[in-house]
Amino acid sequence: MSCEIEQLVMGHLEMGTMIEQLSAQFGEAMEFIGLLCTASTTTRTIMSDIDQVLDTKRAQVMSLRRAQKEAQARERDRDQTKETMATTNQELQRRLDDNQGKP
């Protein structure tokens, strides 16, 4: 009987040791899960920051494109005005030349 009691005590001690090991492993797993959650939150924050920067850059690029198109339109208008003025000058010069010999 004492042998059986000894085996029960040993079994109980082994069970206690296994429970302690499982408890330590569970604690390590919980710590790791906490680190994963922190990493996930940090990654989400970084991605949000990147999205904000991209939105800002996208708005700046669109603004620059709009300004470039407006500048090109002004340049076309200026070129057209120059052509119109050159044509008008040529016409005026032609009239002056035609009227040079007339009293």
PDB file of N, CA and C in Angstrom:
ATOM      1  N   MET A   1       0.805  -1.183   0.000  1.00  0.00           N
ATOM      2  CA  MET A   1       0.000   0.000   0.000  1.00  0.00           C
ATOM      3  C   MET A   1       0.857   1.259   0.000  1.00  0.00           C
ATOM      4  N   SER A   2       1.938   1.197   0.772  1.00  0.00           N
ATOM      5  CA  SER A   2       2.816   2.362   0.789  1.00  0.00           C
ATOM      6  C   SER A   2       3.416   2.607  -0.576  1.00  0.00           C
ATOM      7  N   CYS A   3       3.607   1.551  -1.322  1.00  0.00           N
ATOM      8  CA  CYS A   3       4.122   1.699  -2.692  1.00  0.00           C
ATOM      9  C   CYS A   3       3.095   2.419  -3.551  1.00  0.00           C
ATOM     10  N   GLU A   4       1.843   2.080  -3.358  1.00  0.00           N
ATOM     11  CA  GLU A   4       0.790   2.746  -4.131  1.00  0.00           C
ATOM     12  C   GLU A   4       0.677   4.217  -3.740  1.00  0.00           C
ATOM     13  N   ILE A   5       0.804   4.485  -2.457  1.00  0.00           N
ATOM     14  CA  ILE A   5       0.750   5.872  -1.981  1.00  0.00           C
ATOM     15  C   ILE A   5       1.930   6.648  -2.540  1.00  0.00           C
ATOM     16  N   GLU A   6       3.078   5.994  -2.533  1.00  0.00           N
ATOM     17  CA  GLU A   6       4.279   6.635  -3.081  1.00  0.00           C
ATOM     18  C   GLU A   6       4.088   6.941  -4.559  1.00  0.00           C
ATOM     19  N   GLN A   7       3.500   6.010  -5.295  1.00  0.00           N
ATOM     20  CA  GLN A   7       3.243   6.231  -6.717  1.00  0.00           C
ATOM     21  C   GLN A   7       2.243   7.370  -6.915  1.00  0.00           C
ATOM     22  N   LEU A   8       1.215   7.434  -6.075  1.00  0.00           N
ATOM     23  CA  LEU A   8       0.233   8.518  -6.155  1.00  0.00           C
ATOM     24  C   LEU A   8       0.895   9.867  -5.873  1.00  0.00           C
ATOM     25  N   VAL A   9       1.755   9.906  -4.865  1.00  0.00           N
ATOM     26  CA  VAL A   9       2.453  11.145  -4.515  1.00  0.00           C
ATOM     27  C   VAL A   9       3.357  11.552  -5.664  1.00  0.00           C
ATOM     28  N   MET A  10       4.097  10.584  -6.208  1.00  0.00           N
ATOM     29  CA  MET A  10       4.989  10.871  -7.328  1.00  0.00           C
ATOM     30  C   MET A  10       4.185  11.350  -8.532  1.00  0.00           C
ATOM     31  N   GLY A  11       3.085  10.711  -8.796  1.00  0.00           N
ATOM     32  CA  GLY A  11       2.205  11.122  -9.904  1.00  0.00           C
ATOM     33  C   GLY A  11       1.693  12.532  -9.695  1.00  0.00           C
ATOM     34  N   HIS A  12       1.322  12.807  -8.440  1.00  0.00           N
ATOM     35  CA  HIS A  12       0.832  14.143  -8.107  1.00  0.00           C
ATOM     36  C   HIS A  12       1.933  15.176  -8.293  1.00  0.00           C
ATOM     37  N   LEU A  13       3.141  14.841  -7.861  1.00  0.00           N
ATOM     38  CA  LEU A  13       4.276  15.754  -8.027  1.00  0.00           C
ATOM     39  C   LEU A  13       4.587  15.978  -9.508  1.00  0.00           C
ATOM     40  N   GLU A  14       4.556  14.897 -10.285  1.00  0.00           N
ATOM     41  CA  GLU A  14       4.789  15.009 -11.729  1.00  0.00           C
ATOM     42  C   GLU A  14       3.700  15.870 -12.372  1.00  0.00           C
ATOM     43  N   MET A  15       2.461  15.669 -11.953  1.00  0.00           N
ATOM     44  CA  MET A  15       1.346  16.449 -12.478  1.00  0.00           C
ATOM     45  C   MET A  15       1.549  17.923 -12.138  1.00  0.00           C
ATOM     46  N   GLY A  16       2.002  18.202 -10.914  1.00  0.00           N
ATOM     47  CA  GLY A  16       2.266  19.585 -10.498  1.00  0.00           C
ATOM     48  C   GLY A  16       3.354  20.213 -11.352  1.00  0.00           C
ATOM     49  N   THR A  17       4.410  19.435 -11.612  1.00  0.00           N
ATOM     50  CA  THR A  17       5.509  19.923 -12.452  1.00  0.00           C
ATOM     51  C   THR A  17       5.003  20.212 -13.865  1.00  0.00           C
ATOM     52  N   MET A  18       4.196  19.336 -14.413  1.00  0.00           N
ATOM     53  CA  MET A  18       3.643  19.525 -15.765  1.00  0.00           C
ATOM     54  C   MET A  18       2.743  20.765 -15.801  1.00  0.00           C
ATOM     55  N   ILE A  19       1.946  20.954 -14.743  1.00  0.00           N
ATOM     56  CA  ILE A  19       1.066  22.124 -14.686  1.00  0.00           C
ATOM     57  C   ILE A  19       1.898  23.402 -14.627  1.00  0.00           C
ATOM     58  N   GLU A  20       2.989  23.357 -13.857  1.00  0.00           N
ATOM     59  CA  GLU A  20       3.873  24.532 -13.788  1.00  0.00           C
ATOM     60  C   GLU A  20       4.487  24.825 -15.159  1.00  0.00           C
ATOM     61  N   GLN A  21       4.909  23.761 -15.865  1.00  0.00           N
ATOM     62  CA  GLN A  21       5.484  23.941 -17.203  1.00  0.00           C
ATOM     63  C   GLN A  21       4.443  24.516 -18.165  1.00  0.00           C
ATOM     64  N   LEU A  22       3.243  23.954 -18.118  1.00  0.00           N
ATOM     65  CA  LEU A  22       2.161  24.457 -18.976  1.00  0.00           C
ATOM     66  C   LEU A  22       1.829  25.910 -18.639  1.00  0.00           C
ATOM     67  N   SER A  23       1.829  26.236 -17.373  1.00  0.00           N
ATOM     68  CA  SER A  23       1.552  27.597 -16.939  1.00  0.00           C
ATOM     69  C   SER A  23       2.627  28.546 -17.461  1.00  0.00           C
ATOM     70  N   ALA A  24       3.886  28.122 -17.398  1.00  0.00           N
ATOM     71  CA  ALA A  24       4.986  28.956 -17.909  1.00  0.00           C
ATOM     72  C   ALA A  24       4.859  29.118 -19.419  1.00  0.00           C
ATOM     73  N   GLN A  25       4.551  28.030 -20.112  1.00  0.00           N
ATOM     74  CA  GLN A  25       4.391  28.106 -21.564  1.00  0.00           C
ATOM     75  C   GLN A  25       3.195  28.989 -21.932  1.00  0.00           C
ATOM     76  N   PHE A  26       2.119  28.871 -21.160  1.00  0.00           N
ATOM     77  CA  PHE A  26       0.943  29.708 -21.406  1.00  0.00           C
ATOM     78  C   PHE A  26       1.293  31.179 -21.209  1.00  0.00           C
ATOM     79  N   GLY A  27       2.055  31.475 -20.152  1.00  0.00           N
ATOM     80  CA  GLY A  27       2.478  32.854 -19.896  1.00  0.00           C
ATOM     81  C   GLY A  27       3.334  33.390 -21.033  1.00  0.00           C
ATOM     82  N   GLU A  28       4.263  32.555 -21.536  1.00  0.00           N
ATOM     83  CA  GLU A  28       5.103  32.966 -22.661  1.00  0.00           C
ATOM     84  C   GLU A  28       4.256  33.201 -23.913  1.00  0.00           C
ATOM     85  N   ALA A  29       3.284  32.300 -24.132  1.00  0.00           N
ATOM     86  CA  ALA A  29       2.401  32.447 -25.291  1.00  0.00           C
ATOM     87  C   ALA A  29       1.579  33.738 -25.184  1.00  0.00           C
ATOM     88  N   MET A  30       1.086  34.029 -23.993  1.00  0.00           N
ATOM     89  CA  MET A  30       0.304  35.249 -23.796  1.00  0.00           C
ATOM     90  C   MET A  30       1.175  36.487 -24.019  1.00  0.00           C
ATOM     91  N   GLU A  31       2.416  36.431 -23.563  1.00  0.00           N
ATOM     92  CA  GLU A  31       3.351  37.549 -23.775  1.00  0.00           C
ATOM     93  C   GLU A  31       3.603  37.732 -25.270  1.00  0.00           C
ATOM     94  N   PHE A  32       3.794  36.625 -25.985  1.00  0.00           N
ATOM     95  CA  PHE A  32       4.021  36.685 -27.425  1.00  0.00           C
ATOM     96  C   PHE A  32       2.801  37.258 -28.140  1.00  0.00           C
ATOM     97  N   ILE A  33       1.607  36.811 -27.733  1.00  0.00           N
ATOM     98  CA  ILE A  33       0.370  37.346 -28.327  1.00  0.00           C
ATOM     99  C   ILE A  33       0.268  38.840 -28.065  1.00  0.00           C
ATOM    100  N   GLY A  34       0.656  39.276 -26.875  1.00  0.00           N
ATOM    101  CA  GLY A  34       0.662  40.715 -26.562  1.00  0.00           C
ATOM    102  C   GLY A  34       1.610  41.474 -27.473  1.00  0.00           C
ATOM    103  N   LEU A  35       2.792  40.906 -27.713  1.00  0.00           N
ATOM    104  CA  LEU A  35       3.749  41.537 -28.624  1.00  0.00           C
ATOM    105  C   LEU A  35       3.197  41.607 -30.048  1.00  0.00           C
ATOM    106  N   LEU A  36       2.523  40.531 -30.482  1.00  0.00           N
ATOM    107  CA  LEU A  36       1.908  40.533 -31.812  1.00  0.00           C
ATOM    108  C   LEU A  36       0.833  41.615 -31.917  1.00  0.00           C
ATOM    109  N   CYS A  37       0.050  41.769 -30.875  1.00  0.00           N
ATOM    110  CA  CYS A  37      -0.991  42.808 -30.870  1.00  0.00           C
ATOM    111  C   CYS A  37      -0.361  44.204 -30.950  1.00  0.00           C
ATOM    112  N   THR A  38       0.715  44.407 -30.197  1.00  0.00           N
ATOM    113  CA  THR A  38       1.416  45.689 -30.233  1.00  0.00           C
ATOM    114  C   THR A  38       1.983  45.936 -31.628  1.00  0.00           C
ATOM    115  N   ALA A  39       2.584  44.907 -32.219  1.00  0.00           N
ATOM    116  CA  ALA A  39       3.139  45.036 -33.568  1.00  0.00           C
ATOM    117  C   ALA A  39       2.040  45.339 -34.572  1.00  0.00           C
ATOM    118  N   SER A  40       0.910  44.688 -34.422  1.00  0.00           N
ATOM    119  CA  SER A  40      -0.221  44.922 -35.328  1.00  0.00           C
ATOM    120  C   SER A  40      -0.722  46.355 -35.207  1.00  0.00           C
ATOM    121  N   THR A  41      -0.850  46.835 -33.988  1.00  0.00           N
ATOM    122  CA  THR A  41      -1.298  48.210 -33.759  1.00  0.00           C
ATOM    123  C   THR A  41      -0.295  49.203 -34.333  1.00  0.00           C
ATOM    124  N   THR A  42       0.985  48.935 -34.121  1.00  0.00           N
ATOM    125  CA  THR A  42       2.032  49.815 -34.649  1.00  0.00           C
ATOM    126  C   THR A  42       1.999  49.819 -36.170  1.00  0.00           C
ATOM    127  N   THR A  43       1.853  48.642 -36.763  1.00  0.00           N
ATOM    128  CA  THR A  43       1.779  48.541 -38.219  1.00  0.00           C
ATOM    129  C   THR A  43       0.575  49.312 -38.745  1.00  0.00           C
ATOM    130  N   ARG A  44      -0.558  49.191 -38.081  1.00  0.00           N
ATOM    131  CA  ARG A  44      -1.768  49.902 -38.489  1.00  0.00           C
ATOM    132  C   ARG A  44      -1.543  51.416 -38.422  1.00  0.00           C
ATOM    133  N   THR A  45      -0.881  51.859 -37.361  1.00  0.00           N
ATOM    134  CA  THR A  45      -0.582  53.294 -37.206  1.00  0.00           C
ATOM    135  C   THR A  45       0.344  53.774 -38.324  1.00  0.00           C
ATOM    136  N   ILE A  46       1.371  52.978 -38.611  1.00  0.00           N
ATOM    137  CA  ILE A  46       2.311  53.338 -39.680  1.00  0.00           C
ATOM    138  C   ILE A  46       1.586  53.404 -41.020  1.00  0.00           C
ATOM    139  N   MET A  47       0.752  52.424 -41.304  1.00  0.00           N
ATOM    140  CA  MET A  47       0.003  52.410 -42.568  1.00  0.00           C
ATOM    141  C   MET A  47      -0.922  53.618 -42.664  1.00  0.00           C
ATOM    142  N   SER A  48      -1.534  53.980 -41.560  1.00  0.00           N
ATOM    143  CA  SER A  48      -2.400  55.161 -41.545  1.00  0.00           C
ATOM    144  C   SER A  48      -1.590  56.418 -41.833  1.00  0.00           C
ATOM    145  N   ASP A  49      -0.407  56.524 -41.222  1.00  0.00           N
ATOM    146  CA  ASP A  49       0.469  57.672 -41.468  1.00  0.00           C
ATOM    147  C   ASP A  49       0.894  57.724 -42.934  1.00  0.00           C
ATOM    148  N   ILE A  50       1.233  56.558 -43.495  1.00  0.00           N
ATOM    149  CA  ILE A  50       1.625  56.492 -44.904  1.00  0.00           C
ATOM    150  C   ILE A  50       0.460  56.923 -45.787  1.00  0.00           C
ATOM    151  N   ASP A  51      -0.743  56.458 -45.474  1.00  0.00           N
ATOM    152  CA  ASP A  51      -1.931  56.854 -46.243  1.00  0.00           C
ATOM    153  C   ASP A  51      -2.128  58.368 -46.214  1.00  0.00           C
ATOM    154  N   GLN A  52      -1.934  58.973 -45.049  1.00  0.00           N
ATOM    155  CA  GLN A  52      -2.084  60.425 -44.944  1.00  0.00           C
ATOM    156  C   GLN A  52      -1.049  61.150 -45.789  1.00  0.00           C
ATOM    157  N   VAL A  53       0.197  60.662 -45.751  1.00  0.00           N
ATOM    158  CA  VAL A  53       1.261  61.286 -46.558  1.00  0.00           C
ATOM    159  C   VAL A  53       0.949  61.120 -48.038  1.00  0.00           C
ATOM    160  N   LEU A  54       0.501  59.932 -48.429  1.00  0.00           N
ATOM    161  CA  LEU A  54       0.156  59.699 -49.835  1.00  0.00           C
ATOM    162  C   LEU A  54      -0.995  60.596 -50.281  1.00  0.00           C
ATOM    163  N   ASP A  55      -1.997  60.757 -49.424  1.00  0.00           N
ATOM    164  CA  ASP A  55      -3.119  61.646 -49.755  1.00  0.00           C
ATOM    165  C   ASP A  55      -2.633  63.080 -49.950  1.00  0.00           C
ATOM    166  N   THR A  56      -1.733  63.517 -49.078  1.00  0.00           N
ATOM    167  CA  THR A  56      -1.180  64.872 -49.192  1.00  0.00           C
ATOM    168  C   THR A  56      -0.397  65.017 -50.490  1.00  0.00           C
ATOM    169  N   LYS A  57       0.459  64.040 -50.778  1.00  0.00           N
ATOM    170  CA  LYS A  57       1.262  64.091 -52.007  1.00  0.00           C
ATOM    171  C   LYS A  57       0.373  64.038 -53.238  1.00  0.00           C
ATOM    172  N   ARG A  58      -0.664  63.217 -53.205  1.00  0.00           N
ATOM    173  CA  ARG A  58      -1.593  63.113 -54.332  1.00  0.00           C
ATOM    174  C   ARG A  58      -2.263  64.463 -54.575  1.00  0.00           C
ATOM    175  N   ALA A  59      -2.681  65.120 -53.506  1.00  0.00           N
ATOM    176  CA  ALA A  59      -3.317  66.437 -53.635  1.00  0.00           C
ATOM    177  C   ALA A  59      -2.321  67.459 -54.190  1.00  0.00           C
ATOM    178  N   GLN A  60      -1.065  67.374 -53.738  1.00  0.00           N
ATOM    179  CA  GLN A  60      -0.048  68.299 -54.240  1.00  0.00           C
ATOM    180  C   GLN A  60       0.221  68.067 -55.720  1.00  0.00           C
ATOM    181  N   VAL A  61       0.296  66.806 -56.133  1.00  0.00           N
ATOM    182  CA  VAL A  61       0.534  66.485 -57.544  1.00  0.00           C
ATOM    183  C   VAL A  61      -0.626  66.984 -58.399  1.00  0.00           C
ATOM    184  N   MET A  62      -1.848  66.770 -57.924  1.00  0.00           N
ATOM    185  CA  MET A  62      -3.018  67.236 -58.681  1.00  0.00           C
ATOM    186  C   MET A  62      -3.002  68.755 -58.795  1.00  0.00           C
ATOM    187  N   SER A  63      -2.631  69.429 -57.731  1.00  0.00           N
ATOM    188  CA  SER A  63      -2.556  70.885 -57.742  1.00  0.00           C
ATOM    189  C   SER A  63      -1.489  71.362 -58.723  1.00  0.00           C
ATOM    190  N   LEU A  64      -0.344  70.696 -58.713  1.00  0.00           N
ATOM    191  CA  LEU A  64       0.731  71.055 -59.645  1.00  0.00           C
ATOM    192  C   LEU A  64       0.318  70.795 -61.092  1.00  0.00           C
ATOM    193  N   ARG A  65      -0.372  69.688 -61.340  1.00  0.00           N
ATOM    194  CA  ARG A  65      -0.857  69.400 -62.709  1.00  0.00           C
ATOM    195  C   ARG A  65      -1.844  70.466 -63.164  1.00  0.00           C
ATOM    196  N   ARG A  66      -2.731  70.851 -62.263  1.00  0.00           N
ATOM    197  CA  ARG A  66      -3.714  71.883 -62.590  1.00  0.00           C
ATOM    198  C   ARG A  66      -2.996  73.200 -62.899  1.00  0.00           C
ATOM    199  N   ALA A  67      -2.003  73.548 -62.068  1.00  0.00           N
ATOM    200  CA  ALA A  67      -1.239  74.781 -62.289  1.00  0.00           C
ATOM    201  C   ALA A  67      -0.479  74.703 -63.608  1.00  0.00           C
ATOM    202  N   GLN A  68       0.064  73.532 -63.925  1.00  0.00           N
ATOM    203  CA  GLN A  68       0.790  73.356 -65.177  1.00  0.00           C
ATOM    204  C   GLN A  68      -0.150  73.527 -66.373  1.00  0.00           C
ATOM    205  N   LYS A  69      -1.340  72.944 -66.304  1.00  0.00           N
ATOM    206  CA  LYS A  69      -2.314  73.092 -67.397  1.00  0.00           C
ATOM    207  C   LYS A  69      -2.726  74.549 -67.562  1.00  0.00           C
ATOM    208  N   GLU A  70      -2.918  75.233 -66.434  1.00  0.00           N
ATOM    209  CA  GLU A  70      -3.281  76.649 -66.502  1.00  0.00           C
ATOM    210  C   GLU A  70      -2.149  77.466 -67.124  1.00  0.00           C
ATOM    211  N   ALA A  71      -0.909  77.151 -66.762  1.00  0.00           N
ATOM    212  CA  ALA A  71       0.244  77.864 -67.327  1.00  0.00           C
ATOM    213  C   ALA A  71       0.352  77.591 -68.822  1.00  0.00           C
ATOM    214  N   GLN A  72       0.098  76.350 -69.222  1.00  0.00           N
ATOM    215  CA  GLN A  72       0.136  76.017 -70.648  1.00  0.00           C
ATOM    216  C   GLN A  72      -0.968  76.750 -71.399  1.00  0.00           C
ATOM    217  N   ALA A  73      -2.148  76.849 -70.797  1.00  0.00           N
ATOM    218  CA  ALA A  73      -3.257  77.575 -71.434  1.00  0.00           C
ATOM    219  C   ALA A  73      -2.898  79.052 -71.576  1.00  0.00           C
ATOM    220  N   ARG A  74      -2.293  79.641 -70.538  1.00  0.00           N
ATOM    221  CA  ARG A  74      -1.875  81.043 -70.623  1.00  0.00           C
ATOM    222  C   ARG A  74      -0.816  81.233 -71.711  1.00  0.00           C
ATOM    223  N   GLU A  75       0.088  80.267 -71.807  1.00  0.00           N
ATOM    224  CA  GLU A  75       1.135  80.350 -72.834  1.00  0.00           C
ATOM    225  C   GLU A  75       0.520  80.263 -74.232  1.00  0.00           C
ATOM    226  N   ARG A  76      -0.458  79.373 -74.416  1.00  0.00           N
ATOM    227  CA  ARG A  76      -1.151  79.283 -75.713  1.00  0.00           C
ATOM    228  C   ARG A  76      -1.864  80.598 -76.037  1.00  0.00           C
ATOM    229  N   ASP A  77      -2.530  81.157 -75.022  1.00  0.00           N
ATOM    230  CA  ASP A  77      -3.211  82.437 -75.226  1.00  0.00           C
ATOM    231  C   ASP A  77      -2.222  83.537 -75.593  1.00  0.00           C
ATOM    232  N   ARG A  78      -1.092  83.557 -74.911  1.00  0.00           N
ATOM    233  CA  ARG A  78      -0.058  84.557 -75.187  1.00  0.00           C
ATOM    234  C   ARG A  78       0.480  84.391 -76.614  1.00  0.00           C
ATOM    235  N   ASP A  79       0.739  83.141 -77.023  1.00  0.00           N
ATOM    236  CA  ASP A  79       1.220  82.865 -78.376  1.00  0.00           C
ATOM    237  C   ASP A  79       0.197  83.291 -79.417  1.00  0.00           C
ATOM    238  N   GLN A  80      -1.068  83.024 -79.120  1.00  0.00           N
ATOM    239  CA  GLN A  80      -2.131  83.411 -80.052  1.00  0.00           C
ATOM    240  C   GLN A  80      -2.216  84.932 -80.149  1.00  0.00           C
ATOM    241  N   THR A  81      -2.072  85.594 -79.001  1.00  0.00           N
ATOM    242  CA  THR A  81      -2.088  87.066 -79.010  1.00  0.00           C
ATOM    243  C   THR A  81      -0.909  87.600 -79.811  1.00  0.00           C
ATOM    244  N   LYS A  82       0.265  86.992 -79.661  1.00  0.00           N
ATOM    245  CA  LYS A  82       1.434  87.422 -80.428  1.00  0.00           C
ATOM    246  C   LYS A  82       1.181  87.254 -81.926  1.00  0.00           C
ATOM    247  N   GLU A  83       0.611  86.117 -82.305  1.00  0.00           N
ATOM    248  CA  GLU A  83       0.320  85.876 -83.724  1.00  0.00           C
ATOM    249  C   GLU A  83      -0.681  86.892 -84.251  1.00  0.00           C
ATOM    250  N   THR A  84      -1.712  87.172 -83.461  1.00  0.00           N
ATOM    251  CA  THR A  84      -2.721  88.154 -83.863  1.00  0.00           C
ATOM    252  C   THR A  84      -2.082  89.528 -84.023  1.00  0.00           C
ATOM    253  N   MET A  85      -1.220  89.888 -83.079  1.00  0.00           N
ATOM    254  CA  MET A  85      -0.558  91.193 -83.150  1.00  0.00           C
ATOM    255  C   MET A  85       0.393  91.250 -84.341  1.00  0.00           C
ATOM    256  N   ALA A  86       1.104  90.155 -84.601  1.00  0.00           N
ATOM    257  CA  ALA A  86       2.004  90.127 -85.749  1.00  0.00           C
ATOM    258  C   ALA A  86       1.223  90.269 -87.040  1.00  0.00           C
ATOM    259  N   THR A  87       0.104  89.562 -87.134  1.00  0.00           N
ATOM    260  CA  THR A  87      -0.741  89.670 -88.329  1.00  0.00           C
ATOM    261  C   THR A  87      -1.269  91.088 -88.472  1.00  0.00           C
ATOM    262  N   THR A  88      -1.719  91.676 -87.363  1.00  0.00           N
ATOM    263  CA  THR A  88      -2.227  93.058 -87.393  1.00  0.00           C
ATOM    264  C   THR A  88      -1.122  94.018 -87.806  1.00  0.00           C
ATOM    265  N   ASN A  89       0.081  93.821 -87.276  1.00  0.00           N
ATOM    266  CA  ASN A  89       1.217  94.678 -87.653  1.00  0.00           C
ATOM    267  C   ASN A  89       1.526  94.550 -89.136  1.00  0.00           C
ATOM    268  N   GLN A  90       1.504  93.323 -89.636  1.00  0.00           N
ATOM    269  CA  GLN A  90       1.775  93.116 -91.059  1.00  0.00           C
ATOM    270  C   GLN A  90       0.718  93.814 -91.913  1.00  0.00           C
ATOM    271  N   GLU A  91      -0.533  93.688 -91.490  1.00  0.00           N
ATOM    272  CA  GLU A  91      -1.626  94.340 -92.234  1.00  0.00           C
ATOM    273  C   GLU A  91      -1.467  95.859 -92.193  1.00  0.00           C
ATOM    274  N   LEU A  92      -1.137  96.398 -91.026  1.00  0.00           N
ATOM    275  CA  LEU A  92      -0.930  97.850 -90.910  1.00  0.00           C
ATOM    276  C   LEU A  92       0.261  98.297 -91.749  1.00  0.00           C
ATOM    277  N   GLN A  93       1.336  97.507 -91.742  1.00  0.00           N
ATOM    278  CA  GLN A  93       2.511  97.844 -92.544  1.00  0.00           C
ATOM    279  C   GLN A  93       2.161  97.813 -94.029  1.00  0.00           C
ATOM    280  N   ARG A  94       1.387  96.815 -94.426  1.00  0.00           N
ATOM    281  CA  ARG A  94       0.960  96.723 -95.827  1.00  0.00           C
ATOM    282  C   ARG A  94       0.137  97.943 -96.207  1.00  0.00           C
ATOM    283  N   ARG A  95      -0.770  98.370 -95.349  1.00  0.00           N
ATOM    284  CA  ARG A  95      -1.601  99.557 -95.634  1.00  0.00           C
ATOM    285  C   ARG A  95      -0.740 100.806 -95.719  1.00  0.00           C
ATOM    286  N   LEU A  96       0.242 100.899 -94.791  1.00  0.00           N
ATOM    287  CA  LEU A  96       1.147 102.042 -94.837  1.00  0.00           C
ATOM    288  C   LEU A  96       1.932 102.064 -96.151  1.00  0.00           C
ATOM    289  N   ASP A  97       2.420 100.892 -96.524  1.00  0.00           N
ATOM    290  CA  ASP A  97       3.171 100.791 -97.760  1.00  0.00           C
ATOM    291  C   ASP A  97       2.297 101.148 -98.962  1.00  0.00           C
ATOM    292  N   ASP A  98       1.048 100.696 -98.941  1.00  0.00           N
ATOM    293  CA  ASP A  98       0.119 100.989-100.048  1.00  0.00           C
ATOM    294  C   ASP A  98      -0.178 102.487-100.098  1.00  0.00           C
ATOM    295  N   ASN A  99      -0.248 103.113 -98.965  1.00  0.00           N
ATOM    296  CA  ASN A  99      -0.617 104.537 -98.922  1.00  0.00           C
ATOM    297  C   ASN A  99       0.600 105.468 -99.012  1.00  0.00           C
ATOM    298  N   GLN A 100       1.793 104.950 -99.090  1.00  0.00           N
ATOM    299  CA  GLN A 100       2.999 105.764 -99.152  1.00  0.00           C
ATOM    300  C   GLN A 100       3.016 106.626-100.422  1.00  0.00           C
ATOM    301  N   GLY A 101       2.649 106.089-101.492  1.00  0.00           N
ATOM    302  CA  GLY A 101       2.717 106.827-102.753  1.00  0.00           C
ATOM    303  C   GLY A 101       1.495 107.662-103.024  1.00  0.00           C
ATOM    304  N   LYS A 102       0.479 107.569-102.223  1.00  0.00           N
ATOM    305  CA  LYS A 102      -0.756 108.313-102.480  1.00  0.00           C
ATOM    306  C   LYS A 102      -0.756 109.614-101.675  1.00  0.00           C
ATOM    307  N   PRO A 103      -1.264 110.699-102.356  1.00  0.00           N
ATOM    308  CA  PRO A 103      -1.315 112.001-101.654  1.00  0.00           C
ATOM    309  C   PRO A 103      -2.413 112.071-100.647  1.00  0.00           C
TER     310      PRO A 103
END
